[in-house]
Amino acid sequence: MRTMRDEEQLAAAAVEVCNEWTNLAGMATALKNESETVPGIHAGLIDGFIVCDRALIMFLCGGQNCDRDHRDIAPQDFLRREWWPEDEEMDQRLRGRLAVMARFSAHLSWNRVLNTDAVLWPYNLLAWETTWSMSCFVRQLEQVQAATAPTFQEAERRVHELLGPRGRWSVSTSEYGAPRSGQVDRRCRVR
């Protein structure tokens, strides 16, 4: 059961989520210039990027199976109703990314040594996909005239400034999360 938060708590939570969002964009931008970073710093940027993206995906969509931890900040806290990205393919794509992140970043696993499959992280694309979903959430905040909407709007402006123009990309991953109940399973669809 979710605890109803007061306006002061919601304002602080909005700052926390927005900081994560702007950090994601900043790291994606820094990672575009791989040749300009020291190897150890580059690895730290990758780990930081994955941590931020994971946190935002968990905020937006919940876990791989749509589950949410009642202790985590969630869109419902701001909107007073359950919310996730309406685009079911994007929702599944973001949640599907969590498994890949866990396999390659969460801990020093044997999978890092034994799995020789290449994992390409198109950081700017991943940041744009998460940003697209965050922007959908911001539009919902605007519709309900949430007191936290200006905080999210300013973060959105800053994120767009950091990321620059969105390039022409296809989809980021072939791994999709499970469909929410009542949704069509599109994990096998190829573009």
C-alpha atoms as a PDB file:
ATOM      1  CA  MET A   1       0.000   0.000   0.000  1.00  0.00           C
ATOM      2  CA  ARG A   2       1.360   3.415  -0.985  1.00  0.00           C
ATOM      3  CA  THR A   3       1.712   6.166   1.579  1.00  0.00           C
ATOM      4  CA  MET A   4       0.144   9.499   0.621  1.00  0.00           C
ATOM      5  CA  ARG A   5       2.909  12.116   0.621  1.00  0.00           C
ATOM      6  CA  ASP A   6       2.547  15.780   1.510  1.00  0.00           C
ATOM      7  CA  GLU A   7       3.517  18.597  -0.879  1.00  0.00           C
ATOM      8  CA  GLU A   8       6.915  19.128   0.738  1.00  0.00           C
ATOM      9  CA  GLN A   9       7.806  15.447   0.355  1.00  0.00           C
ATOM     10  CA  LEU A  10       6.574  15.430  -3.244  1.00  0.00           C
ATOM     11  CA  ALA A  11       8.652  18.514  -4.052  1.00  0.00           C
ATOM     12  CA  ALA A  12      11.773  16.826  -2.644  1.00  0.00           C
ATOM     13  CA  ALA A  13      10.971  13.611  -4.533  1.00  0.00           C
ATOM     14  CA  ALA A  14      10.529  15.578  -7.780  1.00  0.00           C
ATOM     15  CA  VAL A  15      14.000  17.092  -7.340  1.00  0.00           C
ATOM     16  CA  GLU A  16      15.448  13.627  -6.744  1.00  0.00           C
ATOM     17  CA  VAL A  17      13.852  12.149  -9.897  1.00  0.00           C
ATOM     18  CA  CYS A  18      14.822  15.187 -11.978  1.00  0.00           C
ATOM     19  CA  ASN A  19      18.427  15.022 -10.776  1.00  0.00           C
ATOM     20  CA  GLU A  20      18.581  11.405 -11.926  1.00  0.00           C
ATOM     21  CA  TRP A  21      17.139  12.427 -15.297  1.00  0.00           C
ATOM     22  CA  THR A  22      19.595  15.270 -15.879  1.00  0.00           C
ATOM     23  CA  ASN A  23      22.474  13.051 -14.702  1.00  0.00           C
ATOM     24  CA  LEU A  24      21.450  10.445 -17.298  1.00  0.00           C
ATOM     25  CA  ALA A  25      21.502  13.062 -20.061  1.00  0.00           C
ATOM     26  CA  GLY A  26      24.833  14.464 -18.905  1.00  0.00           C
ATOM     27  CA  MET A  27      26.468  11.051 -18.879  1.00  0.00           C
ATOM     28  CA  ALA A  28      25.010  10.133 -22.295  1.00  0.00           C
ATOM     29  CA  THR A  29      26.500  13.340 -23.675  1.00  0.00           C
ATOM     30  CA  ALA A  30      29.891  12.663 -22.077  1.00  0.00           C
ATOM     31  CA  LEU A  31      29.886   9.098 -23.426  1.00  0.00           C
ATOM     32  CA  LYS A  32      29.455  10.369 -27.004  1.00  0.00           C
ATOM     33  CA  ASN A  33      33.033  11.631 -26.773  1.00  0.00           C
ATOM     34  CA  GLU A  34      34.628   8.322 -25.734  1.00  0.00           C
ATOM     35  CA  SER A  35      38.038   9.184 -27.126  1.00  0.00           C
ATOM     36  CA  GLU A  36      38.254  12.257 -24.890  1.00  0.00           C
ATOM     37  CA  THR A  37      37.825  10.412 -21.571  1.00  0.00           C
ATOM     38  CA  VAL A  38      40.347   8.517 -19.484  1.00  0.00           C
ATOM     39  CA  PRO A  39      39.529   4.748 -19.496  1.00  0.00           C
ATOM     40  CA  GLY A  40      38.687   4.564 -15.769  1.00  0.00           C
ATOM     41  CA  ILE A  41      36.493   7.640 -15.999  1.00  0.00           C
ATOM     42  CA  HIS A  42      34.825   6.225 -19.107  1.00  0.00           C
ATOM     43  CA  ALA A  43      33.995   2.999 -17.237  1.00  0.00           C
ATOM     44  CA  GLY A  44      32.607   5.059 -14.348  1.00  0.00           C
ATOM     45  CA  LEU A  45      30.413   7.038 -16.738  1.00  0.00           C
ATOM     46  CA  ILE A  46      29.044   3.788 -18.171  1.00  0.00           C
ATOM     47  CA  ASP A  47      28.254   2.418 -14.712  1.00  0.00           C
ATOM     48  CA  GLY A  48      26.698   5.722 -13.670  1.00  0.00           C
ATOM     49  CA  PHE A  49      24.634   5.874 -16.853  1.00  0.00           C
ATOM     50  CA  ILE A  50      23.294   2.359 -16.296  1.00  0.00           C
ATOM     51  CA  VAL A  51      22.424   3.125 -12.660  1.00  0.00           C
ATOM     52  CA  CYS A  52      20.542   6.309 -13.629  1.00  0.00           C
ATOM     53  CA  ASP A  53      18.718   4.658 -16.522  1.00  0.00           C
ATOM     54  CA  ARG A  54      17.726   1.706 -14.347  1.00  0.00           C
ATOM     55  CA  ALA A  55      16.390   4.019 -11.628  1.00  0.00           C
ATOM     56  CA  LEU A  56      14.332   6.006 -14.128  1.00  0.00           C
ATOM     57  CA  ILE A  57      12.955   2.882 -15.806  1.00  0.00           C
ATOM     58  CA  MET A  58      11.956   1.493 -12.412  1.00  0.00           C
ATOM     59  CA  PHE A  59      10.299   4.852 -11.674  1.00  0.00           C
ATOM     60  CA  LEU A  60       8.425   4.955 -14.987  1.00  0.00           C
ATOM     61  CA  CYS A  61       7.538   1.317 -15.545  1.00  0.00           C
ATOM     62  CA  GLY A  62       8.289  -0.733 -12.455  1.00  0.00           C
ATOM     63  CA  GLY A  63      10.387  -3.872 -12.706  1.00  0.00           C
ATOM     64  CA  GLN A  64      10.734  -6.422 -15.482  1.00  0.00           C
ATOM     65  CA  ASN A  65       7.352  -7.900 -14.574  1.00  0.00           C
ATOM     66  CA  CYS A  66       5.640  -4.538 -13.943  1.00  0.00           C
ATOM     67  CA  ASP A  67       6.078  -4.831 -10.180  1.00  0.00           C
ATOM     68  CA  ARG A  68       6.726  -1.765  -8.035  1.00  0.00           C
ATOM     69  CA  ASP A  69       8.251  -1.586  -4.578  1.00  0.00           C
ATOM     70  CA  HIS A  70       6.015   0.517  -2.328  1.00  0.00           C
ATOM     71  CA  ARG A  71       9.158   2.136  -0.875  1.00  0.00           C
ATOM     72  CA  ASP A  72      10.184   3.578  -4.249  1.00  0.00           C
ATOM     73  CA  ILE A  73       9.114   6.924  -5.662  1.00  0.00           C
ATOM     74  CA  ALA A  74       6.565   6.272  -8.420  1.00  0.00           C
ATOM     75  CA  PRO A  75       4.430   8.317 -10.840  1.00  0.00           C
ATOM     76  CA  GLN A  76       1.421   7.423  -8.701  1.00  0.00           C
ATOM     77  CA  ASP A  77       2.838   9.567  -5.896  1.00  0.00           C
ATOM     78  CA  PHE A  78       2.548  12.664  -8.110  1.00  0.00           C
ATOM     79  CA  LEU A  79      -0.568  11.778 -10.119  1.00  0.00           C
ATOM     80  CA  ARG A  80      -2.543  10.030  -7.333  1.00  0.00           C
ATOM     81  CA  ARG A  81      -3.233   7.168  -9.750  1.00  0.00           C
ATOM     82  CA  GLU A  82      -1.222   4.359 -11.321  1.00  0.00           C
ATOM     83  CA  TRP A  83       0.707   5.374 -14.422  1.00  0.00           C
ATOM     84  CA  TRP A  84       3.208   3.892 -16.877  1.00  0.00           C
ATOM     85  CA  PRO A  85       4.046   4.757 -20.499  1.00  0.00           C
ATOM     86  CA  GLU A  86       0.952   4.291 -22.633  1.00  0.00           C
ATOM     87  CA  ASP A  87       3.042   3.091 -25.557  1.00  0.00           C
ATOM     88  CA  GLU A  88       3.095  -0.600 -24.680  1.00  0.00           C
ATOM     89  CA  GLU A  89       6.076  -1.333 -26.903  1.00  0.00           C
ATOM     90  CA  MET A  90       8.157   1.374 -25.215  1.00  0.00           C
ATOM     91  CA  ASP A  91       7.022   0.149 -21.798  1.00  0.00           C
ATOM     92  CA  GLN A  92       8.136  -3.406 -22.669  1.00  0.00           C
ATOM     93  CA  ARG A  93      11.361  -2.181 -24.280  1.00  0.00           C
ATOM     94  CA  LEU A  94      12.383  -0.174 -21.221  1.00  0.00           C
ATOM     95  CA  ARG A  95      11.567  -3.024 -18.833  1.00  0.00           C
ATOM     96  CA  GLY A  96      13.362  -5.503 -21.108  1.00  0.00           C
ATOM     97  CA  ARG A  97      16.484  -3.384 -20.791  1.00  0.00           C
ATOM     98  CA  LEU A  98      16.564  -4.095 -17.033  1.00  0.00           C
ATOM     99  CA  ALA A  99      17.593  -7.732 -17.518  1.00  0.00           C
ATOM    100  CA  VAL A 100      20.528  -6.751 -19.722  1.00  0.00           C
ATOM    101  CA  MET A 101      21.597  -4.115 -17.215  1.00  0.00           C
ATOM    102  CA  ALA A 102      21.466  -6.623 -14.386  1.00  0.00           C
ATOM    103  CA  ARG A 103      23.527  -9.194 -16.296  1.00  0.00           C
ATOM    104  CA  PHE A 104      26.333  -6.833 -17.170  1.00  0.00           C
ATOM    105  CA  SER A 105      26.452  -4.213 -14.477  1.00  0.00           C
ATOM    106  CA  ALA A 106      24.900  -5.216 -11.169  1.00  0.00           C
ATOM    107  CA  HIS A 107      27.819  -7.288  -9.875  1.00  0.00           C
ATOM    108  CA  LEU A 108      30.983  -9.113 -10.892  1.00  0.00           C
ATOM    109  CA  SER A 109      29.290 -12.146 -12.370  1.00  0.00           C
ATOM    110  CA  TRP A 110      30.655 -15.081 -14.314  1.00  0.00           C
ATOM    111  CA  ASN A 111      28.310 -13.981 -17.087  1.00  0.00           C
ATOM    112  CA  ARG A 112      30.693 -11.089 -17.779  1.00  0.00           C
ATOM    113  CA  VAL A 113      33.494 -13.608 -18.355  1.00  0.00           C
ATOM    114  CA  LEU A 114      31.687 -16.491 -20.038  1.00  0.00           C
ATOM    115  CA  ASN A 115      29.091 -14.690 -22.161  1.00  0.00           C
ATOM    116  CA  THR A 116      30.876 -13.500 -25.285  1.00  0.00           C
ATOM    117  CA  ASP A 117      27.785 -11.875 -26.828  1.00  0.00           C
ATOM    118  CA  ALA A 118      28.538  -8.257 -27.560  1.00  0.00           C
ATOM    119  CA  VAL A 119      26.310  -5.758 -25.821  1.00  0.00           C
ATOM    120  CA  LEU A 120      26.291  -2.417 -27.551  1.00  0.00           C
ATOM    121  CA  TRP A 121      25.049   0.471 -25.455  1.00  0.00           C
ATOM    122  CA  PRO A 122      23.889   3.299 -27.734  1.00  0.00           C
ATOM    123  CA  TYR A 123      23.845   5.690 -24.768  1.00  0.00           C
ATOM    124  CA  ASN A 124      22.279   8.648 -26.515  1.00  0.00           C
ATOM    125  CA  LEU A 125      19.486   6.489 -27.933  1.00  0.00           C
ATOM    126  CA  LEU A 126      18.858   4.855 -24.564  1.00  0.00           C
ATOM    127  CA  ALA A 127      18.731   8.294 -22.936  1.00  0.00           C
ATOM    128  CA  TRP A 128      16.298   9.540 -25.585  1.00  0.00           C
ATOM    129  CA  GLU A 129      13.986   6.548 -25.115  1.00  0.00           C
ATOM    130  CA  THR A 130      13.907   7.085 -21.365  1.00  0.00           C
ATOM    131  CA  THR A 131      13.473  10.827 -21.951  1.00  0.00           C
ATOM    132  CA  TRP A 132      10.546  10.236 -24.300  1.00  0.00           C
ATOM    133  CA  SER A 133       8.804   8.252 -21.568  1.00  0.00           C
ATOM    134  CA  MET A 134       9.687  10.861 -18.927  1.00  0.00           C
ATOM    135  CA  SER A 135       8.222  13.542 -21.205  1.00  0.00           C
ATOM    136  CA  CYS A 136       4.977  11.559 -21.444  1.00  0.00           C
ATOM    137  CA  PHE A 137       4.898  11.612 -17.640  1.00  0.00           C
ATOM    138  CA  VAL A 138       5.541  15.375 -17.597  1.00  0.00           C
ATOM    139  CA  ARG A 139       2.560  15.883 -19.959  1.00  0.00           C
ATOM    140  CA  GLN A 140       0.394  13.978 -17.452  1.00  0.00           C
ATOM    141  CA  LEU A 141       1.624  16.219 -14.623  1.00  0.00           C
ATOM    142  CA  GLU A 142       0.685  19.251 -16.720  1.00  0.00           C
ATOM    143  CA  GLN A 143      -2.792  17.859 -17.382  1.00  0.00           C
ATOM    144  CA  VAL A 144      -3.545  17.405 -13.689  1.00  0.00           C
ATOM    145  CA  GLN A 145      -1.805  20.703 -12.859  1.00  0.00           C
ATOM    146  CA  ALA A 146       0.450  19.011 -10.324  1.00  0.00           C
ATOM    147  CA  ALA A 147       2.431  21.365  -8.104  1.00  0.00           C
ATOM    148  CA  THR A 148       5.610  19.505  -9.125  1.00  0.00           C
ATOM    149  CA  ALA A 149       5.053  20.030 -12.879  1.00  0.00           C
ATOM    150  CA  PRO A 150       7.366  23.085 -13.116  1.00  0.00           C
ATOM    151  CA  THR A 151      10.241  21.132 -11.549  1.00  0.00           C
ATOM    152  CA  PHE A 152       9.834  18.373 -14.130  1.00  0.00           C
ATOM    153  CA  GLN A 153       9.364  20.872 -16.980  1.00  0.00           C
ATOM    154  CA  GLU A 154      12.644  22.603 -16.120  1.00  0.00           C
ATOM    155  CA  ALA A 155      14.443  19.244 -15.947  1.00  0.00           C
ATOM    156  CA  GLU A 156      12.961  18.285 -19.312  1.00  0.00           C
ATOM    157  CA  ARG A 157      14.248  21.528 -20.851  1.00  0.00           C
ATOM    158  CA  ARG A 158      17.704  20.899 -19.383  1.00  0.00           C
ATOM    159  CA  VAL A 159      17.757  17.259 -20.565  1.00  0.00           C
ATOM    160  CA  HIS A 160      16.854  18.274 -24.123  1.00  0.00           C
ATOM    161  CA  GLU A 161      19.591  20.892 -24.023  1.00  0.00           C
ATOM    162  CA  LEU A 162      22.157  18.326 -22.840  1.00  0.00           C
ATOM    163  CA  LEU A 163      21.173  15.588 -25.298  1.00  0.00           C
ATOM    164  CA  GLY A 164      20.936  17.848 -28.322  1.00  0.00           C
ATOM    165  CA  PRO A 165      18.858  16.874 -31.340  1.00  0.00           C
ATOM    166  CA  ARG A 166      17.573  13.327 -31.412  1.00  0.00           C
ATOM    167  CA  GLY A 167      19.230  11.345 -34.181  1.00  0.00           C
ATOM    168  CA  ARG A 168      17.576   8.925 -36.567  1.00  0.00           C
ATOM    169  CA  TRP A 169      17.611   5.566 -34.853  1.00  0.00           C
ATOM    170  CA  SER A 170      15.755   2.343 -34.923  1.00  0.00           C
ATOM    171  CA  VAL A 171      14.873   0.602 -31.665  1.00  0.00           C
ATOM    172  CA  SER A 172      17.430   0.095 -28.935  1.00  0.00           C
ATOM    173  CA  THR A 173      16.935  -3.499 -27.913  1.00  0.00           C
ATOM    174  CA  SER A 174      15.525  -6.829 -28.941  1.00  0.00           C
ATOM    175  CA  GLU A 175      14.838  -7.747 -25.301  1.00  0.00           C
ATOM    176  CA  TYR A 176      11.350  -6.843 -24.129  1.00  0.00           C
ATOM    177  CA  GLY A 177       9.704  -7.067 -20.736  1.00  0.00           C
ATOM    178  CA  ALA A 178       6.541  -9.105 -20.218  1.00  0.00           C
ATOM    179  CA  PRO A 179       3.315  -7.465 -21.375  1.00  0.00           C
ATOM    180  CA  ARG A 180       1.083  -5.956 -18.717  1.00  0.00           C
ATOM    181  CA  SER A 181      -2.102  -7.942 -18.161  1.00  0.00           C
ATOM    182  CA  GLY A 182      -4.484  -7.363 -21.040  1.00  0.00           C
ATOM    183  CA  GLN A 183      -1.753  -6.206 -23.414  1.00  0.00           C
ATOM    184  CA  VAL A 184      -0.612  -8.035 -26.490  1.00  0.00           C
ATOM    185  CA  ASP A 185       2.819  -9.637 -26.214  1.00  0.00           C
ATOM    186  CA  ARG A 186       4.968  -7.824 -28.793  1.00  0.00           C
ATOM    187  CA  ARG A 187       8.323  -9.156 -27.707  1.00  0.00           C
ATOM    188  CA  CYS A 188       8.732 -11.196 -30.895  1.00  0.00           C
ATOM    189  CA  ARG A 189       7.972  -8.348 -33.258  1.00  0.00           C
ATOM    190  CA  VAL A 190      10.915  -7.359 -35.430  1.00  0.00           C
ATOM    191  CA  ARG A 191      11.294  -3.906 -36.969  1.00  0.00           C
END
